[in-house]
């Protein structure tokens, strides 16, 4: 019995080591691809009106008009990179796809992203969406960020403090 337990633990250890090794290799491969795809214009020593060099922003009222009011969902692919619990509990934009940033750059989820539509990267206030957008841009995707994230979409988004930057009181889906 003791030998069986030791053998079982050894097998579990070997399998988990292989999984960690694969994840490390995948992350290294992704970083190398992003570095190779990076152009000199992605890095700047001067402040830029777009936030991240080469990644344009879209304001909530413009997105609302083009996506909801004019009902043109094929123009944009809304990518909400927040954790799933926040996506559901805090609310989200109708038609948004929730792929958390932590899993976005795995082969399973990268296959879901369209190359032929503009991806609008969305998070809480803009940091996570900017990271996702910068990497997606280097991978060849047409991507924009929702300026100030969901806090610009609806003031009811419960952040640490009441936000003053909401551009509108646009609808949420819960």
Protein backbone atom coordinates (compact mmCIF):
# COMPACT_ATOMS: atom_id res chain seq x y z
CA UNK A 1 0.00 0.00 0.00
CA UNK A 2 2.85 2.33 0.88
CA UNK A 3 4.51 1.68 -2.50
CA UNK A 4 1.24 2.40 -4.28
CA UNK A 5 0.87 5.78 -2.52
CA UNK A 6 4.48 6.72 -3.32
CA UNK A 7 4.02 5.66 -6.94
CA UNK A 8 0.75 7.61 -7.22
CA UNK A 9 2.32 10.75 -5.76
CA UNK A 10 5.27 10.40 -8.14
CA UNK A 11 2.96 10.17 -11.14
CA UNK A 12 0.97 13.21 -9.97
CA UNK A 13 4.20 15.16 -9.47
CA UNK A 14 5.46 14.25 -12.95
CA UNK A 15 2.17 15.19 -14.61
CA UNK A 16 1.96 18.52 -12.79
CA UNK A 17 5.58 19.27 -13.70
CA UNK A 18 4.80 18.61 -17.35
CA UNK A 19 1.77 20.93 -17.22
CA UNK A 20 3.79 23.73 -15.63
CA UNK A 21 6.53 23.22 -18.21
CA UNK A 22 3.99 23.44 -21.06
CA UNK A 23 2.46 26.64 -19.64
CA UNK A 24 5.92 28.16 -19.26
CA UNK A 25 6.83 27.24 -22.84
CA UNK A 26 3.55 28.66 -24.15
CA UNK A 27 4.07 31.95 -22.26
CA UNK A 28 7.64 32.19 -23.54
CA UNK A 29 6.47 31.50 -27.10
CA UNK A 30 3.75 34.17 -26.78
CA UNK A 31 6.23 36.73 -25.45
CA UNK A 32 8.64 35.98 -28.31
CA UNK A 33 5.86 36.37 -30.91
CA UNK A 34 4.78 39.68 -29.39
CA UNK A 35 8.38 40.94 -29.30
CA UNK A 36 8.98 39.93 -32.93
CA UNK A 37 5.75 41.59 -34.05
CA UNK A 38 6.50 44.80 -32.18
CA UNK A 39 7.31 47.81 -34.34
CA UNK A 40 9.29 50.87 -33.24
CA UNK A 41 6.08 52.96 -33.30
CA UNK A 42 4.64 50.87 -30.43
CA UNK A 43 7.05 52.55 -28.01
CA UNK A 44 7.26 56.30 -27.52
CA UNK A 45 9.05 58.67 -25.20
CA UNK A 46 6.33 61.31 -25.63
CA UNK A 47 2.82 61.31 -24.13
CA UNK A 48 0.23 60.16 -26.61
CA UNK A 49 -3.43 61.11 -26.89
CA UNK A 50 -4.42 57.50 -27.49
CA UNK A 51 -3.00 56.18 -24.22
CA UNK A 52 -1.10 53.19 -25.54
CA UNK A 53 0.88 54.02 -28.64
CA UNK A 54 -0.87 52.61 -31.68
CA UNK A 55 -4.04 51.53 -29.84
CA UNK A 56 -6.95 53.93 -30.44
CA UNK A 57 -9.68 54.57 -27.90
CA UNK A 58 -13.43 54.77 -28.32
CA UNK A 59 -15.64 56.81 -26.01
CA UNK A 60 -18.73 55.26 -24.42
CA UNK A 61 -21.21 57.60 -26.21
CA UNK A 62 -19.69 56.74 -29.59
CA UNK A 63 -19.79 52.99 -28.87
CA UNK A 64 -23.36 53.28 -27.59
CA UNK A 65 -24.46 55.11 -30.74
CA UNK A 66 -22.68 52.82 -33.20
CA UNK A 67 -23.26 49.49 -31.45
CA UNK A 68 -26.58 49.83 -29.60
CA UNK A 69 -28.58 52.70 -31.17
CA UNK A 70 -27.63 52.04 -34.79
CA UNK A 71 -27.74 48.31 -34.00
CA UNK A 72 -24.55 47.46 -35.82
CA UNK A 73 -23.17 44.51 -33.80
CA UNK A 74 -21.17 43.10 -36.73
CA UNK A 75 -18.92 46.16 -36.76
CA UNK A 76 -17.46 45.44 -33.31
CA UNK A 77 -16.54 42.41 -31.22
CA UNK A 78 -16.89 43.50 -27.58
CA UNK A 79 -14.24 41.73 -25.50
CA UNK A 80 -14.75 42.14 -21.75
CA UNK A 81 -11.56 40.98 -20.00
CA UNK A 82 -12.89 41.28 -16.44
CA UNK A 83 -13.31 38.22 -14.23
CA UNK A 84 -16.54 36.33 -14.91
CA UNK A 85 -18.06 37.16 -11.49
CA UNK A 86 -17.68 40.90 -12.12
CA UNK A 87 -19.02 40.52 -15.67
CA UNK A 88 -22.20 38.94 -14.29
CA UNK A 89 -22.63 40.75 -10.97
CA UNK A 90 -21.62 44.29 -11.96
CA UNK A 91 -23.25 44.06 -15.36
CA UNK A 92 -21.93 44.26 -18.88
CA UNK A 93 -22.72 45.68 -22.29
CA UNK A 94 -25.31 43.65 -24.20
CA UNK A 95 -23.55 41.36 -26.67
CA UNK A 96 -20.15 41.51 -24.94
CA UNK A 97 -18.02 38.36 -24.83
CA UNK A 98 -16.39 37.64 -21.47
CA UNK A 99 -12.89 36.21 -21.79
CA UNK A 100 -10.94 37.05 -18.61
CA UNK A 101 -7.47 38.49 -19.15
CA UNK A 102 -5.95 35.58 -17.21
CA UNK A 103 -6.99 33.10 -19.94
CA UNK A 104 -7.27 35.33 -23.01
CA UNK A 105 -3.87 34.45 -24.48
CA UNK A 106 -4.35 30.69 -24.47
CA UNK A 107 -4.90 28.92 -27.81
CA UNK A 108 -8.50 28.02 -26.89
CA UNK A 109 -9.57 31.64 -26.46
CA UNK A 110 -7.38 33.26 -29.12
CA UNK A 111 -9.23 31.11 -31.68
CA UNK A 112 -12.48 32.84 -30.65
CA UNK A 113 -11.28 36.32 -31.63
CA UNK A 114 -12.25 37.59 -35.08
CA UNK A 115 -9.59 38.96 -37.41
CA UNK A 116 -12.15 40.72 -39.64
CA UNK A 117 -13.89 42.89 -37.00
CA UNK A 118 -12.71 45.63 -34.68
CA UNK A 119 -12.26 44.27 -31.17
CA UNK A 120 -13.27 46.66 -28.38
CA UNK A 121 -11.32 45.73 -25.25
CA UNK A 122 -13.24 46.43 -22.02
CA UNK A 123 -12.44 46.15 -18.30
CA UNK A 124 -13.18 48.07 -15.08
CA UNK A 125 -11.37 51.40 -15.64
CA UNK A 126 -8.90 50.83 -18.46
CA UNK A 127 -5.78 49.05 -17.17
CA UNK A 128 -6.56 45.42 -18.01
CA UNK A 129 -8.15 46.32 -21.33
CA UNK A 130 -5.03 48.29 -22.26
CA UNK A 131 -2.74 45.33 -21.55
CA UNK A 132 -4.96 43.03 -23.60
CA UNK A 133 -5.25 45.54 -26.45
CA UNK A 134 -1.51 46.17 -26.66
CA UNK A 135 -0.73 42.46 -27.00
CA UNK A 136 -3.60 41.83 -29.41
CA UNK A 137 -2.41 44.74 -31.55
CA UNK A 138 1.07 43.21 -31.81
CA UNK A 139 -0.57 39.94 -32.85
CA UNK A 140 -2.28 41.62 -35.79
CA UNK A 141 -5.77 42.24 -34.44
CA UNK A 142 -7.67 45.46 -35.13
CA UNK A 143 -8.37 46.62 -31.58
CA UNK A 144 -9.58 49.68 -29.67
CA UNK A 145 -10.06 50.26 -25.96
CA UNK A 146 -13.18 51.62 -24.29
CA UNK A 147 -11.83 54.77 -22.66
CA UNK A 148 -12.09 54.42 -18.86
CA UNK A 149 -13.65 50.97 -19.24
CA UNK A 150 -17.03 50.13 -17.75
CA UNK A 151 -16.76 53.08 -15.36
CA UNK A 152 -17.41 55.30 -18.41
CA UNK A 153 -20.36 53.22 -19.56
CA UNK A 154 -22.57 53.47 -16.49
CA UNK A 155 -22.11 55.27 -13.13
CA UNK A 156 -23.78 52.33 -11.34
CA UNK A 157 -20.67 50.24 -11.88
CA UNK A 158 -19.64 49.82 -8.26
CA UNK A 159 -15.95 50.68 -8.02
CA UNK A 160 -14.02 51.54 -4.86
CA UNK A 161 -15.42 55.06 -4.99
CA UNK A 162 -18.27 56.69 -6.88
CA UNK A 163 -16.87 57.48 -10.27
CA UNK A 164 -17.27 60.93 -11.74
CA UNK A 165 -16.16 60.03 -15.26
CA UNK A 166 -19.23 58.22 -16.60
CA UNK A 167 -20.07 59.73 -19.97
CA UNK A 168 -23.58 58.36 -19.90
CA UNK A 169 -26.04 56.18 -18.11
CA UNK A 170 -26.04 53.46 -20.75
CA UNK A 171 -27.83 50.14 -20.15
CA UNK A 172 -26.26 47.17 -18.40
CA UNK A 173 -27.11 43.49 -18.67
CA UNK A 174 -27.04 41.41 -15.46
